[in-house]
Amino acid sequence: MNVNVLHDSRICEIRWHGRGGQGAITSAQLLADTAYNESFLGVTASPTFGAERRGAPITASTRLSLKPVRIFSQIEVPDIVIVLDSTLLATANATQGLKPGGWLIVNTSENPDQLGISGDFSIATADATFAAQKVGLVVSGFAMVNTAMLGAFARTTEMISLESIKNTFMRKFSAQAAQKNYEAASLTFELTHLLRRGNGN
């Protein structure tokens, strides 16, 4: 487990950007559960409520710490931003407030240097859509990329392991669903490309 991503603070703040129906809130919670089982004593997950509808931009938050956490406010200056839909980079200003030395993790088929994003933060990309489709993780015609992106988070930060992700899925889903979600996360882990800048860990 790599806790260097916590920098000099006790709390790692992660902001999720997705669209209604993509499961950003669920993944924020699954990440918190997984981190707790990786010995993070402080974990919280919270949504940002608004005009909820399928396709509308939404955000969710996860906080991880080696000590108890009692903060539930919205995250304005995240250490890590996870983007489930790359169009939100422009339309929702997803990188706003991202800390210098932090990580931007994006679901896209492009490599990090193809995104044309400047900033004092590192970039990771992974084609979670492809991974979800390949393993058949599709609901009502939509590839479910939220759980797959946990694999990209694991590859990028080394804060959680694929084994812990699998264990979380086994607790939360049926055996068949857990296996399919794990296969998507594992494949996304392998598909993740990293572009380190500055102090990115």
N, C-alpha and C. Protein backbone atom coordinates (compact mmCIF):
# COMPACT_ATOMS: atom_id res chain seq x y z
N MET A 1 0.84 -1.20 0.00
CA MET A 1 0.00 0.00 0.00
C MET A 1 0.88 1.25 0.00
N ASN A 2 0.66 2.15 -0.92
CA ASN A 2 1.43 3.38 -1.03
C ASN A 2 0.64 4.53 -0.42
N VAL A 3 1.07 5.01 0.74
CA VAL A 3 0.36 6.12 1.38
C VAL A 3 1.01 7.45 1.07
N ASN A 4 2.02 7.46 0.19
CA ASN A 4 2.68 8.71 -0.15
C ASN A 4 1.74 9.70 -0.80
N VAL A 5 0.66 9.19 -1.43
CA VAL A 5 -0.28 10.07 -2.08
C VAL A 5 -0.99 10.98 -1.09
N LEU A 6 -0.88 10.66 0.21
CA LEU A 6 -1.46 11.52 1.24
C LEU A 6 -0.69 12.82 1.39
N HIS A 7 0.47 12.90 0.79
CA HIS A 7 1.32 14.09 0.89
C HIS A 7 1.60 14.40 2.36
N ASP A 8 1.52 15.65 2.78
CA ASP A 8 1.83 16.02 4.15
C ASP A 8 0.59 16.07 5.03
N SER A 9 -0.58 15.79 4.46
CA SER A 9 -1.82 15.85 5.23
C SER A 9 -2.21 14.47 5.70
N ARG A 10 -3.16 14.42 6.59
CA ARG A 10 -3.62 13.15 7.12
C ARG A 10 -4.74 12.57 6.27
N ILE A 11 -5.32 13.36 5.38
CA ILE A 11 -6.49 12.92 4.64
C ILE A 11 -6.24 13.01 3.13
N CYS A 12 -6.57 11.94 2.42
CA CYS A 12 -6.54 11.97 0.97
C CYS A 12 -7.97 12.22 0.49
N GLU A 13 -8.18 13.30 -0.23
CA GLU A 13 -9.51 13.69 -0.69
C GLU A 13 -9.67 13.37 -2.17
N ILE A 14 -10.69 12.60 -2.48
CA ILE A 14 -10.92 12.11 -3.84
C ILE A 14 -12.28 12.58 -4.31
N ARG A 15 -12.32 13.23 -5.46
CA ARG A 15 -13.59 13.69 -6.02
C ARG A 15 -13.88 12.92 -7.29
N TRP A 16 -15.08 12.36 -7.35
CA TRP A 16 -15.54 11.60 -8.51
C TRP A 16 -16.42 12.49 -9.39
N HIS A 17 -16.22 12.40 -10.69
CA HIS A 17 -17.09 13.09 -11.65
C HIS A 17 -17.70 12.05 -12.58
N GLY A 18 -19.01 12.07 -12.67
CA GLY A 18 -19.70 11.14 -13.56
C GLY A 18 -21.01 11.74 -14.02
N ARG A 19 -21.80 10.92 -14.65
CA ARG A 19 -23.14 11.34 -15.07
C ARG A 19 -24.17 10.45 -14.37
N GLY A 20 -25.36 10.99 -14.20
CA GLY A 20 -26.41 10.24 -13.55
C GLY A 20 -26.60 8.88 -14.19
N GLY A 21 -26.57 7.83 -13.40
CA GLY A 21 -26.72 6.49 -13.92
C GLY A 21 -25.41 5.74 -14.09
N GLN A 22 -24.26 6.44 -13.96
CA GLN A 22 -22.96 5.79 -14.12
C GLN A 22 -22.44 5.15 -12.84
N GLY A 23 -23.03 5.48 -11.70
CA GLY A 23 -22.63 4.83 -10.46
C GLY A 23 -21.47 5.47 -9.73
N ALA A 24 -21.26 6.78 -9.92
CA ALA A 24 -20.16 7.46 -9.23
C ALA A 24 -20.33 7.39 -7.71
N ILE A 25 -21.56 7.55 -7.24
CA ILE A 25 -21.81 7.52 -5.80
C ILE A 25 -21.52 6.12 -5.25
N THR A 26 -21.93 5.10 -5.97
CA THR A 26 -21.67 3.73 -5.55
C THR A 26 -20.17 3.47 -5.46
N SER A 27 -19.42 3.92 -6.46
CA SER A 27 -17.98 3.68 -6.45
C SER A 27 -17.27 4.44 -5.34
N ALA A 28 -17.75 5.63 -5.04
CA ALA A 28 -17.18 6.38 -3.92
C ALA A 28 -17.31 5.58 -2.63
N GLN A 29 -18.45 4.92 -2.47
CA GLN A 29 -18.69 4.11 -1.28
C GLN A 29 -17.87 2.82 -1.31
N LEU A 30 -17.77 2.19 -2.49
CA LEU A 30 -17.00 0.96 -2.61
C LEU A 30 -15.52 1.22 -2.35
N LEU A 31 -15.02 2.35 -2.80
CA LEU A 31 -13.62 2.70 -2.54
C LEU A 31 -13.38 2.86 -1.04
N ALA A 32 -14.31 3.53 -0.36
CA ALA A 32 -14.17 3.71 1.08
C ALA A 32 -14.16 2.36 1.79
N ASP A 33 -15.06 1.46 1.39
CA ASP A 33 -15.11 0.13 2.00
C ASP A 33 -13.81 -0.64 1.77
N THR A 34 -13.31 -0.56 0.54
CA THR A 34 -12.07 -1.27 0.20
C THR A 34 -10.89 -0.73 0.99
N ALA A 35 -10.79 0.60 1.08
CA ALA A 35 -9.69 1.22 1.81
C ALA A 35 -9.72 0.87 3.29
N TYR A 36 -10.92 0.79 3.84
CA TYR A 36 -11.05 0.43 5.26
C TYR A 36 -10.44 -0.96 5.50
N ASN A 37 -10.63 -1.84 4.56
CA ASN A 37 -10.08 -3.18 4.69
C ASN A 37 -8.61 -3.26 4.29
N GLU A 38 -8.06 -2.12 3.86
CA GLU A 38 -6.62 -2.00 3.61
C GLU A 38 -5.95 -1.25 4.76
N SER A 39 -6.63 -1.18 5.90
CA SER A 39 -6.10 -0.62 7.14
C SER A 39 -6.18 0.90 7.22
N PHE A 40 -6.98 1.55 6.35
CA PHE A 40 -7.26 2.96 6.54
C PHE A 40 -8.34 3.07 7.62
N LEU A 41 -7.99 3.69 8.73
CA LEU A 41 -8.93 3.75 9.86
C LEU A 41 -10.00 4.80 9.66
N GLY A 42 -9.73 5.78 8.81
CA GLY A 42 -10.70 6.83 8.55
C GLY A 42 -11.14 6.82 7.10
N VAL A 43 -12.42 6.57 6.86
CA VAL A 43 -12.95 6.59 5.50
C VAL A 43 -14.36 7.19 5.52
N THR A 44 -14.65 8.03 4.54
CA THR A 44 -16.01 8.54 4.37
C THR A 44 -16.32 8.61 2.88
N ALA A 45 -17.59 8.53 2.57
CA ALA A 45 -18.06 8.67 1.19
C ALA A 45 -19.36 9.44 1.22
N SER A 46 -19.48 10.43 0.33
CA SER A 46 -20.70 11.24 0.33
C SER A 46 -20.99 11.73 -1.08
N PRO A 47 -22.27 11.84 -1.43
CA PRO A 47 -22.66 12.36 -2.75
C PRO A 47 -22.87 13.85 -2.70
N THR A 48 -22.93 14.47 -3.85
CA THR A 48 -23.37 15.85 -3.98
C THR A 48 -24.73 15.82 -4.65
N PHE A 49 -25.73 16.23 -3.93
CA PHE A 49 -27.09 16.14 -4.45
C PHE A 49 -27.45 17.37 -5.26
N GLY A 50 -28.18 17.14 -6.33
CA GLY A 50 -28.64 18.23 -7.18
C GLY A 50 -29.86 17.76 -7.95
N ALA A 51 -30.03 18.28 -9.14
CA ALA A 51 -31.14 17.85 -9.99
C ALA A 51 -30.77 16.52 -10.63
N GLU A 52 -31.03 15.43 -9.90
CA GLU A 52 -30.60 14.11 -10.33
C GLU A 52 -31.43 13.61 -11.52
N ARG A 53 -30.76 13.24 -12.58
CA ARG A 53 -31.41 12.59 -13.71
C ARG A 53 -30.32 11.89 -14.52
N ARG A 54 -30.73 10.89 -15.26
CA ARG A 54 -29.74 10.14 -16.05
C ARG A 54 -29.04 11.06 -17.03
N GLY A 55 -27.72 11.01 -17.02
CA GLY A 55 -26.92 11.81 -17.95
C GLY A 55 -26.47 13.14 -17.40
N ALA A 56 -27.08 13.60 -16.30
CA ALA A 56 -26.69 14.90 -15.74
C ALA A 56 -25.37 14.76 -14.99
N PRO A 57 -24.48 15.76 -15.07
CA PRO A 57 -23.21 15.69 -14.33
C PRO A 57 -23.45 15.63 -12.83
N ILE A 58 -22.75 14.74 -12.16
CA ILE A 58 -22.82 14.64 -10.71
C ILE A 58 -21.42 14.45 -10.16
N THR A 59 -21.27 14.69 -8.87
CA THR A 59 -19.99 14.43 -8.20
C THR A 59 -20.24 13.63 -6.93
N ALA A 60 -19.21 12.96 -6.48
CA ALA A 60 -19.23 12.24 -5.22
C ALA A 60 -17.85 12.36 -4.61
N SER A 61 -17.77 12.12 -3.31
CA SER A 61 -16.50 12.32 -2.61
C SER A 61 -16.13 11.10 -1.78
N THR A 62 -14.84 10.83 -1.73
CA THR A 62 -14.30 9.81 -0.83
C THR A 62 -13.12 10.43 -0.09
N ARG A 63 -13.09 10.22 1.21
CA ARG A 63 -11.93 10.65 2.00
C ARG A 63 -11.31 9.43 2.66
N LEU A 64 -9.98 9.35 2.60
CA LEU A 64 -9.24 8.24 3.18
C LEU A 64 -8.17 8.78 4.10
N SER A 65 -8.01 8.15 5.24
CA SER A 65 -7.00 8.59 6.19
C SER A 65 -6.55 7.43 7.05
N LEU A 66 -5.34 7.53 7.56
CA LEU A 66 -4.83 6.52 8.48
C LEU A 66 -5.38 6.74 9.88
N LYS A 67 -6.08 7.88 10.08
CA LYS A 67 -6.71 8.20 11.36
C LYS A 67 -8.19 8.48 11.12
N PRO A 68 -9.01 8.46 12.15
CA PRO A 68 -10.45 8.69 11.97
C PRO A 68 -10.74 10.01 11.25
N VAL A 69 -11.79 10.00 10.43
CA VAL A 69 -12.20 11.18 9.66
C VAL A 69 -13.61 11.57 10.09
N ARG A 70 -13.80 12.86 10.32
CA ARG A 70 -15.12 13.36 10.71
C ARG A 70 -15.54 14.53 9.82
N ILE A 71 -15.11 14.50 8.58
CA ILE A 71 -15.42 15.57 7.63
C ILE A 71 -16.30 14.98 6.53
N PHE A 72 -17.44 15.65 6.25
CA PHE A 72 -18.35 15.15 5.24
C PHE A 72 -18.72 16.22 4.20
N SER A 73 -18.02 17.34 4.24
CA SER A 73 -18.33 18.43 3.32
C SER A 73 -17.88 18.09 1.91
N GLN A 74 -18.36 18.89 0.95
CA GLN A 74 -17.94 18.69 -0.43
C GLN A 74 -16.45 18.97 -0.55
N ILE A 75 -15.81 18.27 -1.46
CA ILE A 75 -14.36 18.43 -1.67
C ILE A 75 -14.13 19.48 -2.75
N GLU A 76 -13.43 20.54 -2.39
CA GLU A 76 -13.14 21.62 -3.34
C GLU A 76 -11.70 21.58 -3.83
N VAL A 77 -10.80 21.01 -3.02
CA VAL A 77 -9.38 20.95 -3.40
C VAL A 77 -8.92 19.50 -3.26
N PRO A 78 -9.27 18.66 -4.23
CA PRO A 78 -8.97 17.23 -4.12
C PRO A 78 -7.51 16.89 -4.37
N ASP A 79 -7.09 15.78 -3.78
CA ASP A 79 -5.78 15.20 -4.10
C ASP A 79 -5.87 14.39 -5.40
N ILE A 80 -7.04 13.80 -5.61
CA ILE A 80 -7.26 12.92 -6.76
C ILE A 80 -8.64 13.22 -7.34
N VAL A 81 -8.71 13.29 -8.67
CA VAL A 81 -9.99 13.43 -9.37
C VAL A 81 -10.15 12.22 -10.27
N ILE A 82 -11.30 11.56 -10.17
CA ILE A 82 -11.60 10.41 -11.02
C ILE A 82 -12.77 10.77 -11.92
N VAL A 83 -12.58 10.66 -13.23
CA VAL A 83 -13.58 11.09 -14.20
C VAL A 83 -14.09 9.87 -14.97
N LEU A 84 -15.39 9.59 -14.84
CA LEU A 84 -15.98 8.42 -15.49
C LEU A 84 -16.34 8.68 -16.94
N ASP A 85 -16.52 9.95 -17.31
CA ASP A 85 -16.89 10.35 -18.66
C ASP A 85 -15.98 11.50 -19.07
N SER A 86 -15.12 11.27 -20.04
CA SER A 86 -14.09 12.26 -20.39
C SER A 86 -14.67 13.59 -20.88
N THR A 87 -15.92 13.59 -21.36
CA THR A 87 -16.51 14.87 -21.80
C THR A 87 -16.67 15.83 -20.63
N LEU A 88 -16.66 15.32 -19.41
CA LEU A 88 -16.82 16.17 -18.23
C LEU A 88 -15.56 17.00 -17.95
N LEU A 89 -14.45 16.63 -18.58
CA LEU A 89 -13.24 17.44 -18.41
C LEU A 89 -13.48 18.87 -18.88
N ALA A 90 -14.28 19.00 -19.93
CA ALA A 90 -14.56 20.33 -20.47
C ALA A 90 -15.87 20.89 -19.94
N THR A 91 -16.91 20.07 -19.93
CA THR A 91 -18.24 20.60 -19.60
C THR A 91 -18.46 20.80 -18.11
N ALA A 92 -17.73 20.06 -17.27
CA ALA A 92 -17.93 20.18 -15.82
C ALA A 92 -16.69 20.71 -15.10
N ASN A 93 -15.67 21.12 -15.88
CA ASN A 93 -14.44 21.65 -15.29
C ASN A 93 -13.93 20.73 -14.18
N ALA A 94 -13.79 19.46 -14.53
CA ALA A 94 -13.50 18.44 -13.53
C ALA A 94 -12.16 18.63 -12.81
N THR A 95 -11.22 19.31 -13.43
CA THR A 95 -9.90 19.47 -12.80
C THR A 95 -9.85 20.66 -11.84
N GLN A 96 -10.94 21.38 -11.69
CA GLN A 96 -10.93 22.57 -10.83
C GLN A 96 -10.50 22.20 -9.42
N GLY A 97 -9.53 22.93 -8.91
CA GLY A 97 -9.08 22.75 -7.54
C GLY A 97 -8.12 21.61 -7.31
N LEU A 98 -7.81 20.82 -8.34
CA LEU A 98 -6.93 19.67 -8.16
C LEU A 98 -5.56 20.13 -7.66
N LYS A 99 -5.11 19.53 -6.57
CA LYS A 99 -3.88 19.97 -5.92
C LYS A 99 -2.64 19.73 -6.78
N PRO A 100 -1.66 20.62 -6.70
CA PRO A 100 -0.37 20.35 -7.34
C PRO A 100 0.20 19.04 -6.81
N GLY A 101 0.69 18.22 -7.71
CA GLY A 101 1.22 16.92 -7.31
C GLY A 101 0.17 15.85 -7.19
N GLY A 102 -1.09 16.19 -7.48
CA GLY A 102 -2.17 15.22 -7.39
C GLY A 102 -2.30 14.38 -8.64
N TRP A 103 -3.40 13.62 -8.72
CA TRP A 103 -3.64 12.74 -9.86
C TRP A 103 -5.00 13.00 -10.48
N LEU A 104 -5.04 13.02 -11.79
CA LEU A 104 -6.27 13.03 -12.56
C LEU A 104 -6.37 11.66 -13.22
N ILE A 105 -7.45 10.93 -12.95
CA ILE A 105 -7.65 9.58 -13.48
C ILE A 105 -8.90 9.60 -14.36
N VAL A 106 -8.74 9.30 -15.65
CA VAL A 106 -9.82 9.50 -16.61
C VAL A 106 -10.14 8.20 -17.36
N ASN A 107 -11.43 7.93 -17.50
CA ASN A 107 -11.89 6.85 -18.37
C ASN A 107 -11.89 7.36 -19.81
N THR A 108 -10.94 6.89 -20.59
CA THR A 108 -10.83 7.29 -21.99
C THR A 108 -9.95 6.30 -22.73
N SER A 109 -10.13 6.22 -24.02
CA SER A 109 -9.28 5.36 -24.84
C SER A 109 -7.96 6.05 -25.20
N GLU A 110 -7.84 7.32 -24.88
CA GLU A 110 -6.64 8.09 -25.22
C GLU A 110 -5.56 7.91 -24.16
N ASN A 111 -4.31 8.09 -24.56
CA ASN A 111 -3.21 8.12 -23.62
C ASN A 111 -3.19 9.48 -22.91
N PRO A 112 -2.55 9.56 -21.75
CA PRO A 112 -2.55 10.83 -21.00
C PRO A 112 -2.07 12.03 -21.81
N ASP A 113 -1.01 11.85 -22.61
CA ASP A 113 -0.47 12.99 -23.35
C ASP A 113 -1.34 13.40 -24.53
N GLN A 114 -2.34 12.58 -24.87
CA GLN A 114 -3.24 12.92 -25.96
C GLN A 114 -4.41 13.80 -25.48
N LEU A 115 -4.59 13.91 -24.18
CA LEU A 115 -5.71 14.68 -23.66
C LEU A 115 -5.49 16.19 -23.79
N GLY A 116 -4.24 16.61 -23.90
CA GLY A 116 -3.96 18.03 -24.04
C GLY A 116 -4.28 18.83 -22.79
N ILE A 117 -4.12 18.21 -21.63
CA ILE A 117 -4.43 18.87 -20.37
C ILE A 117 -3.13 19.30 -19.71
N SER A 118 -3.04 20.57 -19.38
CA SER A 118 -1.86 21.08 -18.69
C SER A 118 -2.20 21.29 -17.22
N GLY A 119 -1.20 21.27 -16.40
CA GLY A 119 -1.40 21.47 -14.97
C GLY A 119 -0.31 20.79 -14.19
N ASP A 120 -0.14 21.20 -12.94
CA ASP A 120 0.90 20.64 -12.08
C ASP A 120 0.36 19.40 -11.36
N PHE A 121 -0.13 18.46 -12.15
CA PHE A 121 -0.63 17.21 -11.59
C PHE A 121 -0.38 16.11 -12.61
N SER A 122 -0.33 14.89 -12.13
CA SER A 122 -0.10 13.74 -13.00
C SER A 122 -1.43 13.25 -13.56
N ILE A 123 -1.35 12.49 -14.66
CA ILE A 123 -2.56 12.03 -15.35
C ILE A 123 -2.47 10.53 -15.60
N ALA A 124 -3.56 9.85 -15.31
CA ALA A 124 -3.69 8.43 -15.64
C ALA A 124 -4.93 8.26 -16.51
N THR A 125 -4.83 7.43 -17.51
CA THR A 125 -6.00 7.13 -18.35
C THR A 125 -6.17 5.62 -18.45
N ALA A 126 -7.43 5.21 -18.58
CA ALA A 126 -7.73 3.79 -18.74
C ALA A 126 -9.05 3.66 -19.49
N ASP A 127 -9.11 2.74 -20.41
CA ASP A 127 -10.34 2.55 -21.19
C ASP A 127 -11.26 1.59 -20.45
N ALA A 128 -11.90 2.12 -19.41
CA ALA A 128 -12.80 1.31 -18.60
C ALA A 128 -14.04 0.92 -19.38
N THR A 129 -14.43 1.74 -20.35
CA THR A 129 -15.58 1.40 -21.18
C THR A 129 -15.31 0.12 -21.97
N PHE A 130 -14.14 0.03 -22.57
CA PHE A 130 -13.75 -1.17 -23.29
C PHE A 130 -13.71 -2.38 -22.36
N ALA A 131 -13.12 -2.19 -21.17
CA ALA A 131 -13.00 -3.30 -20.22
C ALA A 131 -14.38 -3.82 -19.81
N ALA A 132 -15.29 -2.89 -19.50
CA ALA A 132 -16.63 -3.30 -19.08
C ALA A 132 -17.36 -4.03 -20.20
N GLN A 133 -17.23 -3.53 -21.41
CA GLN A 133 -17.88 -4.18 -22.55
C GLN A 133 -17.29 -5.56 -22.82
N LYS A 134 -15.99 -5.67 -22.69
CA LYS A 134 -15.31 -6.93 -23.01
C LYS A 134 -15.75 -8.05 -22.07
N VAL A 135 -15.98 -7.73 -20.79
CA VAL A 135 -16.37 -8.77 -19.83
C VAL A 135 -17.89 -8.89 -19.71
N GLY A 136 -18.62 -8.07 -20.47
CA GLY A 136 -20.07 -8.14 -20.43
C GLY A 136 -20.72 -7.40 -19.28
N LEU A 137 -20.02 -6.42 -18.74
CA LEU A 137 -20.57 -5.62 -17.64
C LEU A 137 -21.37 -4.47 -18.25
N VAL A 138 -22.52 -4.81 -18.78
CA VAL A 138 -23.37 -3.86 -19.50
C VAL A 138 -24.79 -3.98 -18.96
N VAL A 139 -25.39 -2.84 -18.62
CA VAL A 139 -26.75 -2.81 -18.08
C VAL A 139 -27.59 -1.87 -18.93
N SER A 140 -28.68 -2.37 -19.47
CA SER A 140 -29.58 -1.58 -20.32
C SER A 140 -28.82 -0.90 -21.46
N GLY A 141 -27.83 -1.58 -21.98
CA GLY A 141 -27.07 -1.06 -23.10
C GLY A 141 -25.91 -0.14 -22.73
N PHE A 142 -25.73 0.11 -21.42
CA PHE A 142 -24.67 1.01 -20.97
C PHE A 142 -23.57 0.22 -20.28
N ALA A 143 -22.32 0.47 -20.69
CA ALA A 143 -21.18 -0.14 -20.01
C ALA A 143 -21.04 0.46 -18.63
N MET A 144 -20.96 -0.37 -17.60
CA MET A 144 -20.86 0.11 -16.22
C MET A 144 -19.38 0.29 -15.87
N VAL A 145 -18.92 1.51 -15.98
CA VAL A 145 -17.49 1.79 -15.84
C VAL A 145 -17.08 2.14 -14.41
N ASN A 146 -18.05 2.36 -13.53
CA ASN A 146 -17.70 2.86 -12.20
C ASN A 146 -16.84 1.87 -11.41
N THR A 147 -17.24 0.61 -11.36
CA THR A 147 -16.44 -0.36 -10.62
C THR A 147 -15.14 -0.67 -11.35
N ALA A 148 -15.17 -0.64 -12.67
CA ALA A 148 -13.95 -0.87 -13.44
C ALA A 148 -12.88 0.16 -13.10
N MET A 149 -13.30 1.40 -12.85
CA MET A 149 -12.34 2.47 -12.56
C MET A 149 -11.66 2.31 -11.20
N LEU A 150 -12.18 1.44 -10.36
CA LEU A 150 -11.45 1.13 -9.13
C LEU A 150 -10.12 0.46 -9.46
N GLY A 151 -10.09 -0.27 -10.56
CA GLY A 151 -8.84 -0.87 -11.00
C GLY A 151 -7.83 0.18 -11.41
N ALA A 152 -8.28 1.23 -12.10
CA ALA A 152 -7.39 2.32 -12.49
C ALA A 152 -6.87 3.05 -11.25
N PHE A 153 -7.74 3.23 -10.26
CA PHE A 153 -7.30 3.87 -9.01
C PHE A 153 -6.23 3.03 -8.32
N ALA A 154 -6.44 1.71 -8.28
CA ALA A 154 -5.47 0.82 -7.65
C ALA A 154 -4.12 0.87 -8.36
N ARG A 155 -4.14 0.85 -9.68
CA ARG A 155 -2.90 0.89 -10.47
C ARG A 155 -2.18 2.21 -10.29
N THR A 156 -2.93 3.30 -10.24
CA THR A 156 -2.33 4.64 -10.18
C THR A 156 -1.73 4.94 -8.82
N THR A 157 -2.46 4.66 -7.76
CA THR A 157 -2.06 5.10 -6.42
C THR A 157 -1.39 4.02 -5.58
N GLU A 158 -1.66 2.77 -5.87
CA GLU A 158 -1.18 1.63 -5.07
C GLU A 158 -1.70 1.71 -3.63
N MET A 159 -2.77 2.43 -3.41
CA MET A 159 -3.34 2.55 -2.07
C MET A 159 -4.25 1.37 -1.72
N ILE A 160 -4.79 0.73 -2.73
CA ILE A 160 -5.61 -0.46 -2.53
C ILE A 160 -5.14 -1.52 -3.52
N SER A 161 -5.48 -2.76 -3.25
CA SER A 161 -5.06 -3.86 -4.12
C SER A 161 -6.25 -4.43 -4.87
N LEU A 162 -5.97 -5.12 -5.96
CA LEU A 162 -7.04 -5.81 -6.70
C LEU A 162 -7.70 -6.86 -5.82
N GLU A 163 -6.94 -7.51 -4.98
CA GLU A 163 -7.51 -8.53 -4.11
C GLU A 163 -8.52 -7.92 -3.14
N SER A 164 -8.21 -6.75 -2.60
CA SER A 164 -9.15 -6.08 -1.70
C SER A 164 -10.40 -5.62 -2.45
N ILE A 165 -10.22 -5.17 -3.69
CA ILE A 165 -11.38 -4.80 -4.52
C ILE A 165 -12.27 -6.01 -4.73
N LYS A 166 -11.66 -7.15 -5.04
CA LYS A 166 -12.42 -8.38 -5.24
C LYS A 166 -13.20 -8.75 -3.99
N ASN A 167 -12.56 -8.64 -2.83
CA ASN A 167 -13.21 -8.98 -1.58
C ASN A 167 -14.40 -8.07 -1.31
N THR A 168 -14.26 -6.79 -1.64
CA THR A 168 -15.37 -5.85 -1.47
C THR A 168 -16.53 -6.23 -2.37
N PHE A 169 -16.24 -6.54 -3.61
CA PHE A 169 -17.29 -6.95 -4.54
C PHE A 169 -18.01 -8.21 -4.04
N MET A 170 -17.25 -9.15 -3.48
CA MET A 170 -17.85 -10.39 -2.99
C MET A 170 -18.80 -10.13 -1.83
N ARG A 171 -18.51 -9.11 -1.05
CA ARG A 171 -19.40 -8.76 0.07
C ARG A 171 -20.64 -8.00 -0.38
N LYS A 172 -20.51 -7.25 -1.47
CA LYS A 172 -21.58 -6.35 -1.88
C LYS A 172 -22.50 -6.93 -2.96
N PHE A 173 -21.97 -7.82 -3.80
CA PHE A 173 -22.72 -8.31 -4.95
C PHE A 173 -22.92 -9.81 -4.88
N SER A 174 -23.78 -10.32 -5.74
CA SER A 174 -23.88 -11.77 -5.90
C SER A 174 -22.56 -12.30 -6.44
N ALA A 175 -22.34 -13.60 -6.31
CA ALA A 175 -21.07 -14.18 -6.76
C ALA A 175 -20.81 -13.91 -8.24
N GLN A 176 -21.85 -14.05 -9.06
CA GLN A 176 -21.69 -13.84 -10.50
C GLN A 176 -21.39 -12.38 -10.81
N ALA A 177 -22.13 -11.47 -10.18
CA ALA A 177 -21.90 -10.04 -10.41
C ALA A 177 -20.54 -9.61 -9.89
N ALA A 178 -20.15 -10.15 -8.75
CA ALA A 178 -18.85 -9.81 -8.17
C ALA A 178 -17.72 -10.21 -9.11
N GLN A 179 -17.82 -11.40 -9.69
CA GLN A 179 -16.78 -11.88 -10.60
C GLN A 179 -16.68 -11.00 -11.83
N LYS A 180 -17.82 -10.61 -12.38
CA LYS A 180 -17.82 -9.79 -13.59
C LYS A 180 -17.25 -8.39 -13.30
N ASN A 181 -17.63 -7.82 -12.17
CA ASN A 181 -17.10 -6.51 -11.79
C ASN A 181 -15.59 -6.58 -11.53
N TYR A 182 -15.16 -7.68 -10.92
CA TYR A 182 -13.74 -7.84 -10.66
C TYR A 182 -12.96 -7.98 -11.97
N GLU A 183 -13.50 -8.74 -12.91
CA GLU A 183 -12.82 -8.89 -14.20
C GLU A 183 -12.67 -7.55 -14.91
N ALA A 184 -13.69 -6.70 -14.81
CA ALA A 184 -13.62 -5.37 -15.42
C ALA A 184 -12.57 -4.51 -14.73
N ALA A 185 -12.54 -4.55 -13.40
CA ALA A 185 -11.55 -3.77 -12.65
C ALA A 185 -10.14 -4.26 -12.92
N SER A 186 -9.97 -5.57 -13.00
CA SER A 186 -8.66 -6.14 -13.25
C SER A 186 -8.14 -5.78 -14.63
N LEU A 187 -9.02 -5.85 -15.64
CA LEU A 187 -8.61 -5.48 -16.99
C LEU A 187 -8.30 -3.99 -17.08
N THR A 188 -9.09 -3.17 -16.41
CA THR A 188 -8.82 -1.72 -16.40
C THR A 188 -7.48 -1.43 -15.74
N PHE A 189 -7.17 -2.16 -14.67
CA PHE A 189 -5.86 -2.05 -14.02
C PHE A 189 -4.75 -2.24 -15.05
N GLU A 190 -4.88 -3.27 -15.88
CA GLU A 190 -3.85 -3.56 -16.88
C GLU A 190 -3.81 -2.52 -17.99
N LEU A 191 -4.92 -1.88 -18.28
CA LEU A 191 -5.01 -0.91 -19.37
C LEU A 191 -4.62 0.50 -18.97
N THR A 192 -4.29 0.71 -17.69
CA THR A 192 -4.02 2.06 -17.19
C THR A 192 -2.65 2.57 -17.66
N HIS A 193 -2.65 3.79 -18.19
CA HIS A 193 -1.42 4.46 -18.62
C HIS A 193 -1.15 5.64 -17.68
N LEU A 194 0.10 5.82 -17.29
CA LEU A 194 0.46 6.83 -16.32
C LEU A 194 1.39 7.88 -16.92
N LEU A 195 1.11 9.14 -16.64
CA LEU A 195 1.98 10.24 -17.01
C LEU A 195 2.26 11.04 -15.73
N ARG A 196 3.46 10.84 -15.20
CA ARG A 196 3.81 11.51 -13.94
C ARG A 196 4.40 12.88 -14.21
N ARG A 197 3.94 13.84 -13.44
CA ARG A 197 4.46 15.20 -13.51
C ARG A 197 4.76 15.69 -12.10
N GLY A 198 5.76 16.50 -11.98
CA GLY A 198 6.06 17.14 -10.69
C GLY A 198 6.18 16.13 -9.59
N ASN A 199 5.33 16.29 -8.55
CA ASN A 199 5.41 15.45 -7.37
C ASN A 199 4.44 14.28 -7.40
N GLY A 200 3.87 13.97 -8.56
CA GLY A 200 2.91 12.86 -8.63
C GLY A 200 3.55 11.57 -8.19
N ASN A 201 2.87 10.81 -7.31
CA ASN A 201 3.43 9.59 -6.75
C ASN A 201 2.96 8.36 -7.52
